[in-house]
């Protein structure tokens, strides 16, 4: 149990560090700014209770807000994602459901399932974040385009990161077996 908590804390630190030191400084003409820190929320175990998921999402978003002085926008968008996550997991659940130790990775769940899961929640995060940032509907389509473009880039970075740095289940089976 301590090892699981330590692994999640390490993932939190790494994702926050990458977001704050590298990705927050990437902007192309004000449109592209990937937010991969939400991967921490998305990769939490399936059995994480909602009473824990929501505060973890709030702290994650608030941490990014403190480094970027964005006034709580990341915290709000992260809490929306954490609130929607159990529903999305139920919506795209495999026929047999999830086992208690299921890891939400493309290696375990399959590429199609992973892309669907990540895409829905990343798009929800980005739409929430960018509409809070603009806070008006006069630029509705520009903001929607910005959210979709950033979501696509964020999903691509998450998938690349999962395949480069994620653990393959076959590799683990060779080590164990």
C-alpha atoms as a PDB file:
ATOM      1  CA  UNK A   1       0.000   0.000   0.000  1.00  0.00           C
ATOM      2  CA  UNK A   2       2.820   2.393   0.895  1.00  0.00           C
ATOM      3  CA  UNK A   3       4.510   1.549  -2.412  1.00  0.00           C
ATOM      4  CA  UNK A   4       1.325   2.412  -4.358  1.00  0.00           C
ATOM      5  CA  UNK A   5       0.996   5.751  -2.597  1.00  0.00           C
ATOM      6  CA  UNK A   6       4.691   6.509  -3.151  1.00  0.00           C
ATOM      7  CA  UNK A   7       4.340   5.654  -6.860  1.00  0.00           C
ATOM      8  CA  UNK A   8       1.359   7.999  -7.219  1.00  0.00           C
ATOM      9  CA  UNK A   9       3.174  10.782  -5.358  1.00  0.00           C
ATOM     10  CA  UNK A  10       6.225  10.321  -7.614  1.00  0.00           C
ATOM     11  CA  UNK A  11       3.959  10.496 -10.700  1.00  0.00           C
ATOM     12  CA  UNK A  12       2.403  13.694  -9.284  1.00  0.00           C
ATOM     13  CA  UNK A  13       5.822  15.312  -8.789  1.00  0.00           C
ATOM     14  CA  UNK A  14       7.130  14.318 -12.212  1.00  0.00           C
ATOM     15  CA  UNK A  15       4.035  15.529 -14.092  1.00  0.00           C
ATOM     16  CA  UNK A  16       3.917  18.819 -12.181  1.00  0.00           C
ATOM     17  CA  UNK A  17       7.640  19.370 -12.807  1.00  0.00           C
ATOM     18  CA  UNK A  18       7.282  18.689 -16.544  1.00  0.00           C
ATOM     19  CA  UNK A  19       4.241  20.944 -16.769  1.00  0.00           C
ATOM     20  CA  UNK A  20       5.743  23.833 -14.822  1.00  0.00           C
ATOM     21  CA  UNK A  21       9.289  23.794 -16.148  1.00  0.00           C
ATOM     22  CA  UNK A  22       8.728  22.813 -19.751  1.00  0.00           C
ATOM     23  CA  UNK A  23       5.168  22.813 -21.063  1.00  0.00           C
ATOM     24  CA  UNK A  24       3.963  26.063 -19.475  1.00  0.00           C
ATOM     25  CA  UNK A  25       6.630  27.847 -21.517  1.00  0.00           C
ATOM     26  CA  UNK A  26       5.530  26.362 -24.836  1.00  0.00           C
ATOM     27  CA  UNK A  27       3.085  28.531 -26.732  1.00  0.00           C
ATOM     28  CA  UNK A  28       2.631  28.872 -30.449  1.00  0.00           C
ATOM     29  CA  UNK A  29       0.727  32.034 -31.355  1.00  0.00           C
ATOM     30  CA  UNK A  30      -1.315  31.802 -28.159  1.00  0.00           C
ATOM     31  CA  UNK A  31      -3.092  28.633 -29.248  1.00  0.00           C
ATOM     32  CA  UNK A  32      -1.029  25.632 -28.266  1.00  0.00           C
ATOM     33  CA  UNK A  33      -0.264  24.959 -24.627  1.00  0.00           C
ATOM     34  CA  UNK A  34      -0.489  21.261 -23.686  1.00  0.00           C
ATOM     35  CA  UNK A  35      -1.577  20.342 -20.155  1.00  0.00           C
ATOM     36  CA  UNK A  36      -0.351  16.835 -19.382  1.00  0.00           C
ATOM     37  CA  UNK A  37      -0.542  17.266 -15.613  1.00  0.00           C
ATOM     38  CA  UNK A  38      -4.115  15.920 -15.749  1.00  0.00           C
ATOM     39  CA  UNK A  39      -2.609  12.514 -16.491  1.00  0.00           C
ATOM     40  CA  UNK A  40      -2.118  12.227 -12.721  1.00  0.00           C
ATOM     41  CA  UNK A  41      -5.900  12.326 -12.211  1.00  0.00           C
ATOM     42  CA  UNK A  42      -6.594  10.041 -15.148  1.00  0.00           C
ATOM     43  CA  UNK A  43      -4.079   7.373 -14.091  1.00  0.00           C
ATOM     44  CA  UNK A  44      -5.279   7.021 -10.508  1.00  0.00           C
ATOM     45  CA  UNK A  45      -6.518   3.496  -9.733  1.00  0.00           C
ATOM     46  CA  UNK A  46     -10.078   2.626 -10.741  1.00  0.00           C
ATOM     47  CA  UNK A  47     -11.035   1.928  -7.140  1.00  0.00           C
ATOM     48  CA  UNK A  48     -10.043   5.435  -5.959  1.00  0.00           C
ATOM     49  CA  UNK A  49     -13.126   6.735  -4.095  1.00  0.00           C
ATOM     50  CA  UNK A  50     -14.708   9.987  -5.236  1.00  0.00           C
ATOM     51  CA  UNK A  51     -14.199  11.567  -1.793  1.00  0.00           C
ATOM     52  CA  UNK A  52     -10.442  11.204  -2.394  1.00  0.00           C
ATOM     53  CA  UNK A  53     -10.440  11.825  -6.143  1.00  0.00           C
ATOM     54  CA  UNK A  54     -11.961  15.304  -5.920  1.00  0.00           C
ATOM     55  CA  UNK A  55      -9.485  16.716  -3.329  1.00  0.00           C
ATOM     56  CA  UNK A  56      -6.545  15.169  -5.205  1.00  0.00           C
ATOM     57  CA  UNK A  57      -7.733  16.845  -8.409  1.00  0.00           C
ATOM     58  CA  UNK A  58      -8.189  20.141  -6.602  1.00  0.00           C
ATOM     59  CA  UNK A  59      -4.673  20.011  -5.138  1.00  0.00           C
ATOM     60  CA  UNK A  60      -3.227  19.058  -8.525  1.00  0.00           C
ATOM     61  CA  UNK A  61      -4.922  21.956 -10.286  1.00  0.00           C
ATOM     62  CA  UNK A  62      -4.162  24.359  -7.467  1.00  0.00           C
ATOM     63  CA  UNK A  63      -0.474  23.433  -7.647  1.00  0.00           C
ATOM     64  CA  UNK A  64      -0.412  24.328 -11.347  1.00  0.00           C
ATOM     65  CA  UNK A  65      -2.353  27.528 -10.571  1.00  0.00           C
ATOM     66  CA  UNK A  66       0.227  28.564  -7.978  1.00  0.00           C
ATOM     67  CA  UNK A  67       3.098  28.140 -10.425  1.00  0.00           C
ATOM     68  CA  UNK A  68       1.253  29.793 -13.289  1.00  0.00           C
ATOM     69  CA  UNK A  69      -0.778  32.371 -11.347  1.00  0.00           C
ATOM     70  CA  UNK A  70      -3.934  31.421 -13.200  1.00  0.00           C
ATOM     71  CA  UNK A  71      -6.343  32.124 -10.358  1.00  0.00           C
ATOM     72  CA  UNK A  72      -7.927  28.729  -9.825  1.00  0.00           C
ATOM     73  CA  UNK A  73      -8.789  27.920 -13.437  1.00  0.00           C
ATOM     74  CA  UNK A  74      -6.739  24.719 -13.453  1.00  0.00           C
ATOM     75  CA  UNK A  75      -8.200  23.686 -10.102  1.00  0.00           C
ATOM     76  CA  UNK A  76     -11.739  24.142 -11.405  1.00  0.00           C
ATOM     77  CA  UNK A  77     -11.078  22.237 -14.637  1.00  0.00           C
ATOM     78  CA  UNK A  78      -9.307  19.435 -12.751  1.00  0.00           C
ATOM     79  CA  UNK A  79     -12.215  19.026 -10.331  1.00  0.00           C
ATOM     80  CA  UNK A  80     -14.652  18.839 -13.263  1.00  0.00           C
ATOM     81  CA  UNK A  81     -12.535  16.050 -14.770  1.00  0.00           C
ATOM     82  CA  UNK A  82     -12.352  14.199 -11.450  1.00  0.00           C
ATOM     83  CA  UNK A  83     -16.116  14.511 -11.051  1.00  0.00           C
ATOM     84  CA  UNK A  84     -16.752  13.141 -14.551  1.00  0.00           C
ATOM     85  CA  UNK A  85     -14.120  10.371 -14.408  1.00  0.00           C
ATOM     86  CA  UNK A  86     -16.227   7.679 -12.667  1.00  0.00           C
ATOM     87  CA  UNK A  87     -19.062   8.247 -15.132  1.00  0.00           C
ATOM     88  CA  UNK A  88     -16.725   8.014 -18.115  1.00  0.00           C
ATOM     89  CA  UNK A  89     -15.186   4.839 -16.670  1.00  0.00           C
ATOM     90  CA  UNK A  90     -18.689   3.333 -16.345  1.00  0.00           C
ATOM     91  CA  UNK A  91     -19.597   4.483 -19.850  1.00  0.00           C
ATOM     92  CA  UNK A  92     -16.622   2.813 -21.543  1.00  0.00           C
ATOM     93  CA  UNK A  93     -16.231  -0.124 -19.146  1.00  0.00           C
ATOM     94  CA  UNK A  94     -15.268  -3.480 -20.646  1.00  0.00           C
ATOM     95  CA  UNK A  95     -17.994  -6.107 -20.764  1.00  0.00           C
ATOM     96  CA  UNK A  96     -16.664  -7.832 -17.623  1.00  0.00           C
ATOM     97  CA  UNK A  97     -16.035  -4.561 -15.780  1.00  0.00           C
ATOM     98  CA  UNK A  98     -12.813  -3.542 -14.103  1.00  0.00           C
ATOM     99  CA  UNK A  99     -10.809  -5.688 -11.732  1.00  0.00           C
ATOM    100  CA  UNK A 100      -9.665  -4.091  -8.501  1.00  0.00           C
ATOM    101  CA  UNK A 101      -6.010  -3.862  -9.552  1.00  0.00           C
ATOM    102  CA  UNK A 102      -6.647  -2.733 -13.153  1.00  0.00           C
ATOM    103  CA  UNK A 103      -4.133  -0.203 -14.442  1.00  0.00           C
ATOM    104  CA  UNK A 104      -5.538   2.345 -16.855  1.00  0.00           C
ATOM    105  CA  UNK A 105      -2.768   2.104 -19.430  1.00  0.00           C
ATOM    106  CA  UNK A 106      -2.836   1.328 -23.154  1.00  0.00           C
ATOM    107  CA  UNK A 107      -0.778  -1.796 -22.474  1.00  0.00           C
ATOM    108  CA  UNK A 108      -3.432  -3.238 -20.154  1.00  0.00           C
ATOM    109  CA  UNK A 109      -6.709  -1.781 -21.452  1.00  0.00           C
ATOM    110  CA  UNK A 110      -5.870  -1.608 -25.153  1.00  0.00           C
ATOM    111  CA  UNK A 111      -5.098   1.318 -27.405  1.00  0.00           C
ATOM    112  CA  UNK A 112      -8.684   2.060 -28.538  1.00  0.00           C
ATOM    113  CA  UNK A 113     -10.036   2.064 -24.980  1.00  0.00           C
ATOM    114  CA  UNK A 114      -7.157   4.251 -23.761  1.00  0.00           C
ATOM    115  CA  UNK A 115      -7.552   6.815 -26.560  1.00  0.00           C
ATOM    116  CA  UNK A 116     -11.298   7.024 -25.925  1.00  0.00           C
ATOM    117  CA  UNK A 117     -10.824   7.450 -22.162  1.00  0.00           C
ATOM    118  CA  UNK A 118      -8.049  10.030 -22.436  1.00  0.00           C
ATOM    119  CA  UNK A 119      -9.702  11.965 -25.276  1.00  0.00           C
ATOM    120  CA  UNK A 120     -13.044  12.401 -23.509  1.00  0.00           C
ATOM    121  CA  UNK A 121     -11.545  13.625 -20.250  1.00  0.00           C
ATOM    122  CA  UNK A 122      -8.798  15.770 -21.798  1.00  0.00           C
ATOM    123  CA  UNK A 123     -11.351  17.474 -24.055  1.00  0.00           C
ATOM    124  CA  UNK A 124     -13.626  18.053 -21.051  1.00  0.00           C
ATOM    125  CA  UNK A 125     -10.708  19.554 -19.115  1.00  0.00           C
ATOM    126  CA  UNK A 126      -9.625  21.828 -21.940  1.00  0.00           C
ATOM    127  CA  UNK A 127     -13.134  23.027 -22.791  1.00  0.00           C
ATOM    128  CA  UNK A 128     -13.736  23.830 -19.119  1.00  0.00           C
ATOM    129  CA  UNK A 129     -10.368  25.534 -18.705  1.00  0.00           C
ATOM    130  CA  UNK A 130     -10.500  27.663 -21.859  1.00  0.00           C
ATOM    131  CA  UNK A 131     -14.093  28.798 -21.350  1.00  0.00           C
ATOM    132  CA  UNK A 132     -13.272  29.792 -17.768  1.00  0.00           C
ATOM    133  CA  UNK A 133     -10.216  31.623 -19.100  1.00  0.00           C
ATOM    134  CA  UNK A 134     -12.184  33.583 -21.725  1.00  0.00           C
ATOM    135  CA  UNK A 135     -15.376  33.853 -19.614  1.00  0.00           C
ATOM    136  CA  UNK A 136     -17.552  35.094 -22.455  1.00  0.00           C
ATOM    137  CA  UNK A 137     -19.422  33.520 -25.339  1.00  0.00           C
ATOM    138  CA  UNK A 138     -18.574  36.183 -27.913  1.00  0.00           C
ATOM    139  CA  UNK A 139     -15.520  34.104 -28.883  1.00  0.00           C
ATOM    140  CA  UNK A 140     -17.324  30.755 -28.662  1.00  0.00           C
ATOM    141  CA  UNK A 141     -15.924  29.106 -31.798  1.00  0.00           C
ATOM    142  CA  UNK A 142     -12.409  30.470 -31.386  1.00  0.00           C
ATOM    143  CA  UNK A 143     -12.326  29.114 -27.839  1.00  0.00           C
ATOM    144  CA  UNK A 144     -13.769  25.784 -28.929  1.00  0.00           C
ATOM    145  CA  UNK A 145     -11.150  25.489 -31.669  1.00  0.00           C
ATOM    146  CA  UNK A 146      -8.417  26.314 -29.159  1.00  0.00           C
ATOM    147  CA  UNK A 147      -9.717  23.638 -26.767  1.00  0.00           C
ATOM    148  CA  UNK A 148      -9.911  20.986 -29.501  1.00  0.00           C
ATOM    149  CA  UNK A 149      -6.451  21.789 -30.866  1.00  0.00           C
ATOM    150  CA  UNK A 150      -4.863  21.746 -27.416  1.00  0.00           C
ATOM    151  CA  UNK A 151      -6.715  18.536 -26.549  1.00  0.00           C
ATOM    152  CA  UNK A 152      -5.362  16.794 -29.639  1.00  0.00           C
ATOM    153  CA  UNK A 153      -1.804  17.821 -28.821  1.00  0.00           C
ATOM    154  CA  UNK A 154      -2.189  16.876 -25.156  1.00  0.00           C
ATOM    155  CA  UNK A 155      -3.615  13.452 -26.066  1.00  0.00           C
ATOM    156  CA  UNK A 156      -0.755  12.885 -28.511  1.00  0.00           C
ATOM    157  CA  UNK A 157       1.833  13.777 -25.848  1.00  0.00           C
ATOM    158  CA  UNK A 158       0.139  11.518 -23.288  1.00  0.00           C
ATOM    159  CA  UNK A 159       0.054   8.561 -25.692  1.00  0.00           C
ATOM    160  CA  UNK A 160       3.685   9.087 -26.713  1.00  0.00           C
ATOM    161  CA  UNK A 161       4.656   9.336 -23.049  1.00  0.00           C
ATOM    162  CA  UNK A 162       2.756   6.158 -22.184  1.00  0.00           C
ATOM    163  CA  UNK A 163       4.523   4.193 -24.896  1.00  0.00           C
ATOM    164  CA  UNK A 164       7.958   5.673 -24.164  1.00  0.00           C
ATOM    165  CA  UNK A 165       7.878   5.625 -20.376  1.00  0.00           C
ATOM    166  CA  UNK A 166       4.955   3.357 -19.451  1.00  0.00           C
ATOM    167  CA  UNK A 167       5.534  -0.205 -18.418  1.00  0.00           C
ATOM    168  CA  UNK A 168       4.489  -2.881 -20.849  1.00  0.00           C
ATOM    169  CA  UNK A 169       2.513  -5.750 -19.340  1.00  0.00           C
ATOM    170  CA  UNK A 170       4.572  -8.235 -21.410  1.00  0.00           C
ATOM    171  CA  UNK A 171       7.783  -6.807 -20.014  1.00  0.00           C
ATOM    172  CA  UNK A 172       6.413  -7.169 -16.464  1.00  0.00           C
ATOM    173  CA  UNK A 173       5.362 -10.754 -17.133  1.00  0.00           C
ATOM    174  CA  UNK A 174       8.900 -11.613 -18.255  1.00  0.00           C
ATOM    175  CA  UNK A 175      10.351 -10.101 -15.090  1.00  0.00           C
ATOM    176  CA  UNK A 176       7.859 -11.852 -12.816  1.00  0.00           C
ATOM    177  CA  UNK A 177       7.701 -15.182 -14.682  1.00  0.00           C
END
